[in-house]
N, C-alpha and C. Protein backbone atom coordinates (compact mmCIF):
# COMPACT_ATOMS: atom_id res chain seq x y z
N MET A 1 10.59 -19.17 -6.53
CA MET A 1 10.20 -17.68 -6.12
C MET A 1 11.24 -17.25 -5.06
N ALA A 2 11.27 -15.89 -4.87
CA ALA A 2 11.96 -15.26 -4.00
C ALA A 2 11.35 -14.82 -2.85
N VAL A 3 11.77 -14.28 -1.80
CA VAL A 3 11.34 -13.69 -0.77
C VAL A 3 11.43 -12.15 -0.94
N HIS A 4 10.34 -11.38 -0.44
CA HIS A 4 10.45 -9.96 -0.70
C HIS A 4 10.17 -9.21 0.80
N LEU A 5 11.14 -8.37 1.27
CA LEU A 5 11.18 -7.88 2.64
C LEU A 5 11.26 -6.34 2.62
N THR A 6 10.31 -5.84 3.38
CA THR A 6 10.33 -4.33 3.53
C THR A 6 10.08 -4.23 5.24
N HIS A 7 10.52 -3.02 5.62
CA HIS A 7 10.29 -2.73 7.10
C HIS A 7 9.95 -1.38 7.31
N GLU A 8 9.43 -1.27 8.55
CA GLU A 8 9.11 0.14 9.00
C GLU A 8 9.01 0.22 10.47
N LEU A 9 9.73 1.30 11.15
CA LEU A 9 9.74 1.19 12.71
C LEU A 9 8.61 2.03 13.09
N ARG A 10 7.79 1.63 14.00
CA ARG A 10 6.54 2.18 14.67
C ARG A 10 6.75 2.14 16.19
N GLY A 11 7.25 3.16 16.77
CA GLY A 11 7.55 3.16 18.12
C GLY A 11 8.43 2.16 18.47
N THR A 12 8.31 1.25 19.37
CA THR A 12 9.20 0.11 19.83
C THR A 12 9.05 -1.02 19.01
N ALA A 13 8.24 -0.95 17.96
CA ALA A 13 8.01 -2.17 17.16
C ALA A 13 8.43 -2.03 15.74
N LEU A 14 9.25 -3.17 15.19
CA LEU A 14 9.80 -3.24 13.92
C LEU A 14 8.64 -3.98 13.13
N ILE A 15 8.12 -3.49 12.02
CA ILE A 15 7.11 -4.07 11.24
C ILE A 15 7.95 -4.54 10.02
N VAL A 16 7.76 -5.83 9.74
CA VAL A 16 8.53 -6.39 8.56
C VAL A 16 7.35 -7.03 7.71
N ARG A 17 7.32 -6.64 6.50
CA ARG A 17 6.31 -7.27 5.55
C ARG A 17 7.02 -8.12 4.73
N VAL A 18 6.41 -9.34 4.65
CA VAL A 18 7.08 -10.56 4.03
C VAL A 18 6.15 -10.94 2.80
N GLY A 19 6.86 -11.03 1.70
CA GLY A 19 6.12 -11.63 0.65
C GLY A 19 6.97 -12.63 -0.03
N GLY A 20 6.12 -13.49 -0.95
CA GLY A 20 6.90 -14.50 -1.66
C GLY A 20 6.91 -15.83 -0.86
N GLU A 21 8.00 -16.45 -0.80
CA GLU A 21 8.22 -17.68 -0.12
C GLU A 21 9.29 -17.61 0.78
N ILE A 22 9.19 -18.41 1.96
CA ILE A 22 10.32 -18.71 2.89
C ILE A 22 10.42 -20.10 2.97
N ASP A 23 11.62 -20.54 2.53
CA ASP A 23 12.06 -21.86 2.51
C ASP A 23 13.48 -22.06 2.94
N HIS A 24 14.12 -23.18 2.81
CA HIS A 24 15.41 -23.31 3.31
C HIS A 24 16.43 -22.55 2.36
N ALA A 25 16.11 -22.27 1.17
CA ALA A 25 16.88 -21.59 0.16
C ALA A 25 17.01 -19.96 0.62
N VAL A 26 15.98 -19.46 1.32
CA VAL A 26 16.07 -17.98 1.72
C VAL A 26 15.98 -17.72 3.24
N ALA A 27 15.93 -18.77 4.09
CA ALA A 27 15.77 -18.58 5.46
C ALA A 27 16.88 -17.76 6.03
N GLU A 28 18.19 -18.13 5.60
CA GLU A 28 19.42 -17.38 6.07
C GLU A 28 19.28 -15.75 5.72
N GLU A 29 18.70 -15.48 4.56
CA GLU A 29 18.45 -14.15 4.21
C GLU A 29 17.59 -13.41 5.01
N VAL A 30 16.45 -14.13 5.28
CA VAL A 30 15.26 -13.64 6.13
C VAL A 30 15.89 -13.40 7.63
N ARG A 31 16.60 -14.39 8.12
CA ARG A 31 17.21 -14.21 9.42
C ARG A 31 18.22 -13.07 9.59
N ASP A 32 18.97 -12.95 8.51
CA ASP A 32 19.98 -11.87 8.65
C ASP A 32 19.28 -10.47 8.31
N TYR A 33 18.28 -10.41 7.61
CA TYR A 33 17.49 -9.23 7.50
C TYR A 33 16.91 -8.69 8.80
N LEU A 34 16.10 -9.73 9.45
CA LEU A 34 15.55 -9.52 10.66
C LEU A 34 16.45 -9.17 11.77
N ASP A 35 17.59 -9.72 11.92
CA ASP A 35 18.56 -9.56 12.92
C ASP A 35 19.26 -8.10 12.57
N THR A 36 19.44 -7.89 11.44
CA THR A 36 20.14 -6.58 11.14
C THR A 36 19.18 -5.38 11.44
N TRP A 37 17.93 -5.53 11.15
CA TRP A 37 17.02 -4.27 11.43
C TRP A 37 16.48 -4.33 12.85
N LEU A 38 16.45 -5.42 13.50
CA LEU A 38 16.22 -5.42 14.95
C LEU A 38 17.33 -4.53 15.64
N ARG A 39 18.65 -5.00 15.25
CA ARG A 39 19.78 -4.30 15.83
C ARG A 39 19.82 -2.87 15.62
N ARG A 40 19.71 -2.30 14.17
CA ARG A 40 19.80 -1.20 13.90
C ARG A 40 18.76 -0.22 14.51
N SER A 41 17.39 -0.68 14.52
CA SER A 41 16.31 -0.01 15.10
C SER A 41 16.22 0.06 16.46
N GLY A 42 16.82 -0.88 17.19
CA GLY A 42 16.77 -0.91 18.59
C GLY A 42 15.33 -1.32 18.95
N ALA A 43 14.43 -1.84 18.12
CA ALA A 43 13.06 -2.24 18.40
C ALA A 43 12.96 -3.31 19.43
N ARG A 44 12.06 -3.20 20.41
CA ARG A 44 11.77 -4.20 21.45
C ARG A 44 10.78 -5.32 20.85
N HIS A 45 9.96 -4.87 19.97
CA HIS A 45 8.94 -5.87 19.37
C HIS A 45 9.19 -6.09 17.92
N LEU A 46 8.58 -7.20 17.48
CA LEU A 46 8.60 -7.44 16.08
C LEU A 46 6.95 -7.88 15.56
N VAL A 47 6.81 -7.01 14.60
CA VAL A 47 5.41 -7.45 13.94
C VAL A 47 5.78 -8.11 12.62
N LEU A 48 5.31 -9.24 12.15
CA LEU A 48 5.53 -9.87 10.99
C LEU A 48 4.09 -9.86 10.09
N ASN A 49 4.17 -9.13 9.11
CA ASN A 49 3.00 -9.09 8.23
C ASN A 49 3.24 -9.98 7.13
N LEU A 50 2.48 -11.19 7.26
CA LEU A 50 2.49 -12.26 6.25
C LEU A 50 1.70 -12.34 5.24
N SER A 51 0.88 -11.20 5.02
CA SER A 51 -0.33 -10.99 4.06
C SER A 51 0.02 -11.37 2.62
N ALA A 52 1.30 -11.15 2.30
CA ALA A 52 1.78 -11.40 0.87
C ALA A 52 2.70 -12.69 0.90
N LEU A 53 2.71 -13.45 1.82
CA LEU A 53 3.49 -14.54 1.95
C LEU A 53 2.81 -15.72 1.34
N GLU A 54 3.13 -16.33 0.33
CA GLU A 54 2.63 -17.47 -0.43
C GLU A 54 2.84 -18.81 0.23
N PHE A 55 4.07 -19.21 0.79
CA PHE A 55 4.61 -20.33 1.16
C PHE A 55 5.55 -20.11 2.25
N MET A 56 5.49 -21.04 3.14
CA MET A 56 6.55 -21.15 4.30
C MET A 56 6.70 -22.64 4.66
N ASP A 57 7.97 -23.07 4.78
CA ASP A 57 8.23 -24.33 5.33
C ASP A 57 8.84 -24.36 6.67
N SER A 58 9.23 -25.42 7.22
CA SER A 58 9.75 -25.41 8.59
C SER A 58 10.96 -24.56 8.78
N SER A 59 11.78 -24.10 7.86
CA SER A 59 12.92 -23.31 8.18
C SER A 59 12.31 -22.00 8.57
N GLY A 60 11.09 -21.50 8.01
CA GLY A 60 10.49 -20.21 8.30
C GLY A 60 10.10 -20.27 9.86
N LEU A 61 9.50 -21.43 10.32
CA LEU A 61 9.37 -21.49 11.72
C LEU A 61 10.58 -21.23 12.47
N GLY A 62 11.67 -21.83 12.14
CA GLY A 62 12.94 -21.86 12.81
C GLY A 62 13.34 -20.34 12.92
N VAL A 63 13.15 -19.55 11.74
CA VAL A 63 13.63 -18.18 11.89
C VAL A 63 12.84 -17.45 12.89
N ILE A 64 11.44 -17.69 12.88
CA ILE A 64 10.53 -16.92 13.75
C ILE A 64 10.94 -17.37 15.20
N LEU A 65 11.32 -18.65 15.53
CA LEU A 65 11.54 -19.21 16.76
C LEU A 65 12.89 -18.38 17.24
N GLY A 66 13.92 -18.27 16.34
CA GLY A 66 15.23 -17.61 16.76
C GLY A 66 14.99 -16.13 17.18
N ARG A 67 14.12 -15.47 16.37
CA ARG A 67 13.89 -14.10 16.84
C ARG A 67 13.14 -13.99 18.09
N TYR A 68 12.43 -14.99 18.32
CA TYR A 68 11.68 -14.93 19.80
C TYR A 68 12.66 -14.95 20.79
N ARG A 69 13.54 -16.17 20.59
CA ARG A 69 14.67 -16.34 21.61
C ARG A 69 15.51 -15.02 21.82
N ARG A 70 15.68 -14.32 20.79
CA ARG A 70 16.51 -13.02 20.89
C ARG A 70 15.66 -11.99 21.75
N LEU A 71 14.32 -11.84 21.40
CA LEU A 71 13.60 -10.70 22.02
C LEU A 71 12.98 -11.03 23.36
N ALA A 72 12.54 -12.31 23.63
CA ALA A 72 11.81 -12.46 24.87
C ALA A 72 12.63 -12.22 26.07
N PRO A 73 13.90 -12.56 26.15
CA PRO A 73 14.59 -12.22 27.45
C PRO A 73 14.56 -10.68 27.93
N ASP A 74 14.38 -9.81 27.01
CA ASP A 74 14.27 -8.42 27.44
C ASP A 74 12.75 -7.92 27.38
N GLY A 75 11.78 -8.99 27.32
CA GLY A 75 10.42 -8.53 27.39
C GLY A 75 9.79 -8.35 25.96
N GLY A 76 10.48 -8.67 24.95
CA GLY A 76 10.02 -8.40 23.79
C GLY A 76 9.00 -9.41 23.27
N ARG A 77 8.30 -9.14 22.34
CA ARG A 77 7.17 -9.99 21.77
C ARG A 77 7.09 -10.05 20.35
N ILE A 78 6.55 -11.09 19.65
CA ILE A 78 6.40 -11.18 18.18
C ILE A 78 4.93 -11.30 17.95
N VAL A 79 4.25 -10.48 16.98
CA VAL A 79 2.98 -10.67 16.64
C VAL A 79 2.94 -10.89 15.17
N VAL A 80 2.23 -11.77 14.69
CA VAL A 80 2.21 -12.04 13.15
C VAL A 80 0.77 -11.67 12.73
N CYS A 81 0.74 -11.08 11.62
CA CYS A 81 -0.62 -10.59 10.99
C CYS A 81 -0.78 -10.99 9.71
N GLY A 82 -1.98 -11.16 9.13
CA GLY A 82 -2.29 -11.44 7.70
C GLY A 82 -1.85 -12.89 7.30
N VAL A 83 -2.04 -13.67 8.22
CA VAL A 83 -1.51 -15.06 8.07
C VAL A 83 -2.54 -16.06 7.27
N ASN A 84 -2.17 -16.59 6.26
CA ASN A 84 -3.06 -17.26 5.28
C ASN A 84 -3.39 -18.60 5.99
N PRO A 85 -4.53 -19.12 5.46
CA PRO A 85 -4.93 -20.48 6.17
C PRO A 85 -3.90 -21.53 6.24
N THR A 86 -3.00 -21.66 5.24
CA THR A 86 -2.13 -22.89 5.26
C THR A 86 -1.07 -22.59 6.29
N VAL A 87 -0.44 -21.28 6.37
CA VAL A 87 0.51 -20.90 7.35
C VAL A 87 -0.13 -21.01 8.90
N HIS A 88 -1.36 -20.43 8.73
CA HIS A 88 -1.92 -20.51 10.19
C HIS A 88 -2.14 -22.10 10.69
N ARG A 89 -2.38 -22.97 10.02
CA ARG A 89 -2.56 -24.22 10.21
C ARG A 89 -1.15 -24.87 10.70
N MET A 90 -0.06 -24.44 9.75
CA MET A 90 1.21 -24.92 10.28
C MET A 90 1.72 -24.22 11.59
N PHE A 91 1.37 -23.07 12.00
CA PHE A 91 1.66 -22.46 13.23
C PHE A 91 0.90 -23.19 14.41
N GLU A 92 -0.36 -23.49 14.12
CA GLU A 92 -1.16 -24.10 15.08
C GLU A 92 -0.49 -25.57 15.34
N LEU A 93 -0.24 -26.35 14.37
CA LEU A 93 0.36 -27.75 14.61
C LEU A 93 1.68 -27.70 15.25
N SER A 94 2.44 -26.58 14.96
CA SER A 94 3.79 -26.62 15.49
C SER A 94 3.89 -26.00 16.90
N GLY A 95 2.70 -25.47 17.35
CA GLY A 95 2.76 -24.86 18.73
C GLY A 95 3.38 -23.44 18.82
N LEU A 96 3.40 -22.81 17.57
CA LEU A 96 4.20 -21.44 17.62
C LEU A 96 3.41 -20.45 18.11
N TYR A 97 1.98 -20.59 18.21
CA TYR A 97 1.19 -19.65 18.78
C TYR A 97 1.14 -19.70 20.29
N ARG A 98 1.91 -20.53 20.98
CA ARG A 98 1.96 -20.54 22.33
C ARG A 98 3.10 -19.48 22.68
N ILE A 99 3.82 -19.10 21.73
CA ILE A 99 4.88 -17.93 22.00
C ILE A 99 4.82 -16.76 21.25
N VAL A 100 4.03 -16.86 20.02
CA VAL A 100 3.75 -15.75 19.14
C VAL A 100 2.39 -15.50 19.12
N SER A 101 1.88 -14.13 19.16
CA SER A 101 0.51 -13.78 19.07
C SER A 101 0.07 -13.54 17.69
N ALA A 102 -1.12 -13.69 17.39
CA ALA A 102 -1.71 -13.40 16.01
C ALA A 102 -2.53 -12.22 16.06
N ALA A 103 -2.82 -11.46 14.98
CA ALA A 103 -3.56 -10.30 14.87
C ALA A 103 -4.14 -10.30 13.44
N GLY A 104 -5.12 -9.55 13.15
CA GLY A 104 -5.79 -9.45 11.86
C GLY A 104 -4.91 -8.62 10.84
N ASP A 105 -4.45 -7.45 11.36
CA ASP A 105 -3.65 -6.61 10.60
C ASP A 105 -2.51 -5.89 11.37
N GLU A 106 -1.88 -5.12 10.71
CA GLU A 106 -0.72 -4.21 11.40
C GLU A 106 -1.16 -3.47 12.56
N ASP A 107 -2.35 -2.87 12.37
CA ASP A 107 -2.92 -1.79 13.50
C ASP A 107 -3.25 -2.72 14.70
N ALA A 108 -3.94 -3.81 14.41
CA ALA A 108 -4.32 -4.72 15.67
C ALA A 108 -3.12 -5.37 16.08
N ALA A 109 -2.04 -5.57 15.47
CA ALA A 109 -0.70 -6.20 16.06
C ALA A 109 -0.25 -5.14 16.96
N LEU A 110 0.02 -3.97 16.43
CA LEU A 110 0.42 -2.84 17.25
C LEU A 110 -0.31 -2.59 18.50
N ALA A 111 -1.67 -2.57 18.33
CA ALA A 111 -2.55 -2.57 19.59
C ALA A 111 -2.23 -3.63 20.57
N GLU A 112 -1.92 -4.84 20.11
CA GLU A 112 -1.71 -6.01 20.95
C GLU A 112 -0.38 -5.73 21.69
N LEU A 113 0.38 -5.01 21.04
CA LEU A 113 1.78 -4.76 21.77
C LEU A 113 1.79 -3.46 22.58
N GLY A 114 0.54 -2.70 22.48
CA GLY A 114 0.51 -1.52 23.13
C GLY A 114 1.35 -0.35 22.66
N VAL A 115 1.48 -0.48 21.41
CA VAL A 115 2.38 0.55 20.51
C VAL A 115 1.43 1.34 19.67
N ALA A 116 1.59 2.61 19.81
CA ALA A 116 0.66 3.62 19.10
C ALA A 116 1.24 3.76 17.56
């Protein structure tokens, strides 16, 4: 299965909706997409809506960690929302939630970031 990516800019936050699967075969595509739209939009923060994500392996964690390293030095943050139980467990076990916040939906994620 492929990955499906769409985005929307809301204030200083880039919202990216991720569907399908993120594995080693598509990790570079996801990385390039995020980097391109973060650069073009000038967004300070990233919201990843994972409600349509069916599967993610460790390469997906690497993609998120890399975007954190890019945004954090300038005070940017990442909030994930719509995380399914399997991915949520992987985030917990990996310690990703120490650097990335979680919210129930996009509106809650934007509120977490203070973006209207």
